[in-house]
Each structure stands twice: as C-alpha cells, then as structure tokens.
Protein backbone atom coordinates (compact mmCIF):
# COMPACT_ATOMS: atom_id res chain seq x y z
CA MET A 1 0.00 0.00 0.00
CA ARG A 2 1.18 3.48 -0.68
CA ARG A 3 0.16 6.71 0.91
CA GLY A 4 -1.80 9.08 -1.30
CA ARG A 5 -2.97 12.63 -0.86
CA PHE A 6 -6.06 11.59 1.10
CA GLY A 7 -4.80 8.53 2.95
CA PRO A 8 -3.67 5.06 1.94
CA GLN A 9 -4.40 3.87 -1.56
CA GLU A 10 -4.23 0.39 -3.03
CA ARG A 11 -1.79 -0.13 -5.86
CA GLN A 12 -3.77 -0.56 -9.08
CA GLU A 13 -2.78 -3.34 -11.41
CA PRO A 14 -3.14 -2.81 -15.14
CA GLN A 15 -6.77 -3.57 -15.89
CA VAL A 16 -7.52 -6.43 -18.28
CA ARG A 17 -10.80 -6.05 -20.15
CA ILE A 18 -13.17 -9.00 -19.97
CA ASN A 19 -16.63 -9.85 -21.30
CA GLU A 20 -18.81 -6.68 -21.61
CA ARG A 21 -15.84 -4.33 -21.08
CA ILE A 22 -14.51 -5.26 -24.52
CA ARG A 23 -16.10 -2.72 -26.85
CA ILE A 24 -13.95 -2.86 -29.99
CA SER A 25 -15.39 -4.97 -32.78
CA PRO A 26 -14.25 -7.11 -34.60
CA VAL A 27 -11.74 -9.14 -32.54
CA ARG A 28 -9.35 -11.99 -33.33
CA LEU A 29 -10.71 -14.92 -31.31
CA ILE A 30 -8.69 -17.76 -29.79
CA ASP A 31 -10.69 -20.58 -28.18
CA GLU A 32 -9.99 -22.28 -24.83
CA ASN A 33 -7.70 -24.86 -26.49
CA GLY A 34 -5.46 -22.20 -28.01
CA GLN A 35 -6.82 -22.68 -31.55
CA GLN A 36 -7.36 -19.53 -33.59
CA VAL A 37 -11.01 -19.17 -34.64
CA GLY A 38 -10.50 -16.05 -36.74
CA VAL A 39 -11.72 -12.46 -36.85
CA VAL A 40 -15.31 -12.30 -35.53
CA PRO A 41 -17.63 -9.60 -34.19
CA VAL A 42 -17.23 -9.08 -30.43
CA GLU A 43 -20.87 -10.07 -29.76
CA GLN A 44 -20.31 -13.46 -31.39
CA ALA A 45 -17.11 -13.97 -29.36
CA ARG A 46 -18.96 -13.12 -26.11
CA GLU A 47 -21.74 -15.55 -27.00
CA ALA A 48 -19.21 -18.35 -27.70
CA ALA A 49 -17.57 -17.74 -24.31
CA ARG A 50 -20.95 -17.69 -22.53
CA GLU A 51 -21.97 -21.01 -24.14
CA LYS A 52 -18.83 -22.66 -22.76
CA GLY A 53 -19.28 -21.12 -19.31
CA LEU A 54 -15.99 -19.17 -19.59
CA ASP A 55 -14.90 -15.54 -19.95
CA LEU A 56 -13.79 -13.57 -22.99
CA VAL A 57 -10.45 -11.95 -22.04
CA GLU A 58 -8.62 -9.33 -24.10
CA VAL A 59 -5.00 -10.59 -24.11
CA ALA A 60 -3.47 -8.21 -26.69
CA PRO A 61 -5.35 -4.89 -26.70
CA ASP A 62 -2.76 -3.10 -28.87
CA ALA A 63 -3.02 -5.52 -31.79
CA ARG A 64 -5.25 -4.69 -34.76
CA PRO A 65 -7.78 -6.24 -34.41
CA PRO A 66 -7.43 -6.87 -30.64
CA VAL A 67 -6.77 -10.49 -29.66
CA CYS A 68 -9.30 -12.05 -27.29
CA ARG A 69 -9.19 -15.48 -25.74
CA ILE A 70 -11.87 -17.68 -24.21
CA MET A 71 -10.65 -18.76 -20.76
CA ASP A 72 -11.45 -18.89 -17.05
CA TYR A 73 -10.48 -15.38 -15.91
CA GLY A 74 -10.09 -16.39 -12.23
CA ARG A 75 -7.55 -19.07 -13.15
CA PHE A 76 -5.79 -16.64 -15.52
CA ARG A 77 -5.34 -14.04 -12.73
CA TYR A 78 -4.14 -16.71 -10.31
CA GLU A 79 -1.50 -17.90 -12.78
CA GLN A 80 -0.39 -14.31 -13.48
CA GLN A 81 0.05 -13.69 -9.74
CA LYS A 82 2.05 -16.91 -9.35
CA LYS A 83 4.34 -15.92 -12.25
CA ALA A 84 4.90 -12.45 -10.76
CA GLN A 85 5.63 -13.98 -7.35
CA ALA A 86 8.15 -16.41 -8.86
CA ALA A 87 9.84 -13.55 -10.75
CA ARG A 88 10.14 -11.53 -7.53
CA LYS A 89 11.60 -14.53 -5.74
CA LYS A 90 14.29 -14.93 -8.42
CA GLN A 91 15.35 -11.30 -8.12
CA HIS A 92 17.59 -12.04 -5.14
CA GLN A 93 19.51 -8.91 -4.23
CA VAL A 94 23.07 -9.54 -3.13
CA GLU A 95 23.48 -7.57 0.04
CA VAL A 96 26.78 -6.04 1.10
CA LYS A 97 27.28 -6.69 4.80
CA GLN A 98 29.75 -4.62 6.79
CA ILE A 99 31.84 -5.69 9.76
CA LYS A 100 33.90 -3.07 11.61
CA TYR A 101 37.20 -3.75 13.35
CA ARG A 102 39.56 -1.56 15.36
CA PRO A 103 43.34 -1.49 14.79
CA ALA A 104 44.05 -2.64 18.38
CA ILE A 105 41.44 -5.42 18.47
CA ASP A 106 41.65 -8.17 21.06
CA ASP A 107 42.09 -11.77 19.86
CA HIS A 108 38.69 -12.99 21.04
CA ASP A 109 36.89 -10.00 19.50
CA PHE A 110 38.79 -10.63 16.28
CA GLU A 111 37.70 -14.29 16.21
CA THR A 112 34.07 -13.40 16.92
CA LYS A 113 33.89 -10.80 14.16
CA THR A 114 35.76 -13.02 11.72
CA SER A 115 33.29 -15.85 12.35
CA LYS A 116 30.50 -13.38 11.42
CA VAL A 117 32.35 -12.52 8.20
CA ARG A 118 32.70 -16.24 7.45
CA LYS A 119 28.96 -16.81 8.07
CA PHE A 120 27.96 -13.98 5.72
CA LEU A 121 30.29 -15.27 2.99
CA GLU A 122 28.91 -18.79 3.33
CA GLU A 123 25.39 -17.35 2.89
CA GLY A 124 26.54 -15.76 -0.38
CA HIS A 125 26.76 -12.11 0.70
CA LYS A 126 29.55 -9.70 -0.12
CA VAL A 127 31.25 -8.37 3.01
CA ARG A 128 32.95 -5.01 3.47
CA VAL A 129 35.56 -5.30 6.20
CA THR A 130 36.32 -1.89 7.68
CA VAL A 131 39.03 -0.92 10.15
CA MET A 132 38.01 2.24 12.00
CA PHE A 133 40.75 4.52 13.28
CA ARG A 134 40.51 6.98 16.13
CA ARG A 135 42.58 10.13 16.05
CA ARG A 136 45.49 8.58 17.96
CA ASP A 137 45.33 5.42 15.80
CA MET A 138 45.94 7.47 12.63
CA ARG A 139 49.64 7.74 13.50
CA ARG A 140 50.08 4.01 12.71
CA PRO A 141 47.87 3.11 9.71
CA GLU A 142 49.94 -0.05 9.16
CA ASN A 143 48.13 -1.58 12.17
CA GLY A 144 44.91 -1.43 10.14
CA GLU A 145 46.65 -3.15 7.22
CA ILE A 146 47.76 -5.91 9.59
CA VAL A 147 44.17 -6.45 10.80
CA LEU A 148 42.88 -6.63 7.22
CA ASP A 149 45.62 -9.12 6.31
CA ARG A 150 44.66 -11.28 9.30
CA VAL A 151 40.97 -11.24 8.27
CA ILE A 152 41.76 -12.14 4.65
CA GLU A 153 44.04 -14.96 5.78
CA ALA A 154 41.42 -16.30 8.23
CA ILE A 155 38.63 -16.51 5.63
CA ARG A 156 40.74 -17.50 2.60
CA ASP A 157 38.80 -20.79 2.19
CA VAL A 158 35.36 -19.10 1.81
CA GLY A 159 36.12 -15.69 0.30
CA GLN A 160 38.68 -13.50 -1.32
CA PRO A 161 39.12 -9.73 -1.69
CA GLU A 162 37.65 -7.95 -4.69
CA ASP A 163 41.12 -6.72 -5.56
CA ARG A 164 44.31 -6.00 -3.68
CA SER A 165 43.57 -2.28 -3.30
CA ARG A 166 42.31 -1.03 0.01
CA GLN A 167 40.30 2.13 0.28
CA MET A 168 41.10 4.75 2.89
CA LEU A 169 37.99 6.90 3.32
CA GLY A 170 38.45 9.47 6.06
CA ARG A 171 39.45 7.44 9.10
CA ASP A 172 38.26 4.11 7.73
CA LEU A 173 40.32 1.54 5.84
CA SER A 174 38.17 -1.01 4.03
CA VAL A 175 38.23 -3.91 1.59
CA THR A 176 35.31 -5.77 -0.03
CA ILE A 177 35.37 -9.57 0.09
CA PHE A 178 33.44 -11.80 -2.31
CA PRO A 179 32.26 -15.32 -1.53
CA LEU A 180 34.39 -17.83 -3.45
CA LYS A 181 31.57 -19.63 -5.30
CA LYS A 182 30.09 -16.32 -6.55
CA ARG A 183 33.56 -15.23 -7.64
CA GLN A 184 34.13 -18.48 -9.54
CA GLU A 185 30.72 -18.22 -11.25
CA SER A 186 31.39 -14.63 -12.38
CA GLU A 187 34.85 -15.56 -13.69
CA ALA A 188 33.34 -18.53 -15.59
CA ALA A 189 30.72 -16.22 -17.12
CA GLU A 190 33.43 -13.77 -18.21
CA ALA A 191 35.47 -16.61 -19.73
CA GLU A 192 32.46 -17.74 -21.79
CA ALA A 193 31.77 -14.23 -23.12
C-alpha cells in the first residue's frame, strides 16, 4: 500500500478487459484450447464464451484487431500472480554486509567478528571489512593493514578480496570480500563471453 494525498491507496494493477468491457469490434478470437477461430464480431465472441461457461479476455489490446481469448479469468489471474511472485523470488539482491574492526582489536573479539564474516560469505553475501581509526590510531595506519591481512588470511577458504587495493575513506580503511563460489561463477561467465 502506498500513501496518497487523502490517505492510503491500493496499488492498481493494469486492468484487463473481460466480457462486456470489450467494446472494440471485430476481434481476433482464440478458443480455450489455443486454436485460432478467426476475426469475428465481439458479440459473437462473447456468446461463444458464454456457451462454454468461460470468460472472454482481451489478451493483446494493442493488436489490430485486438486479440481475445476464451478462458477462465479467475484461473488466468491466479497464474499471473504466481508468475509475478516467482519472478520476484528470483530477483535475489546480493546484500553487502559490513563488519567493523579496530586497529588494536583483542584476539577474542577478532575471532568473533571473523566468524560473522565467514557466516555472511557462506550465505553468499559480499562483506565489506572496515578498520576504524581513532585520532590517535591514525599515527600508525599499518596496524589497520595488519588487521585486514589477518581477516583475509582467516577466511581464505570461503572468500577473497575484490582486488588487492584497500580504500582509505576518512578514518576508515576497508576492503570488499566476495564469496568464493560467486567469484568463480562470475569468472566462468566472463570466460564464456
């Protein structure tokens, strides 16, 4: 639901014309078996649909003449919704997760955070590993490099860095790590192209 000018409004789907809403005559008629009947007046097409206990549905309104099909409209809408739902399910967005470290991190904290990085990579997410510096930590940026090297070494079996470059943005040093299977699939796709 989206919010309109005068309160919530339902999202309107594109309207499909059925039965008496089809006003253009003649129409190209397709029967319930998918066989083309031919170009007939719209009244005759409606009558044929009524005799079979089905609906006359306009499937291609932009064609000349418009294409209409005899079918069960309820089943047609159900199948359309299932197709749309399956398409949405396939559009899996790869999320970039971020884990933050400090240059002077304790061993146990390091292991805990690294196990989180490992878990995200195993789930197929990209992970941005960031080392955050405080003002006094900025004097020794090589400590951040050491932490990043330790993380990359610890998760070498499930992920690898996007590239060897590390980005220093303000007081943060970061590197993006890809899951290994995603990386191998993308390299295989590039090799085929």
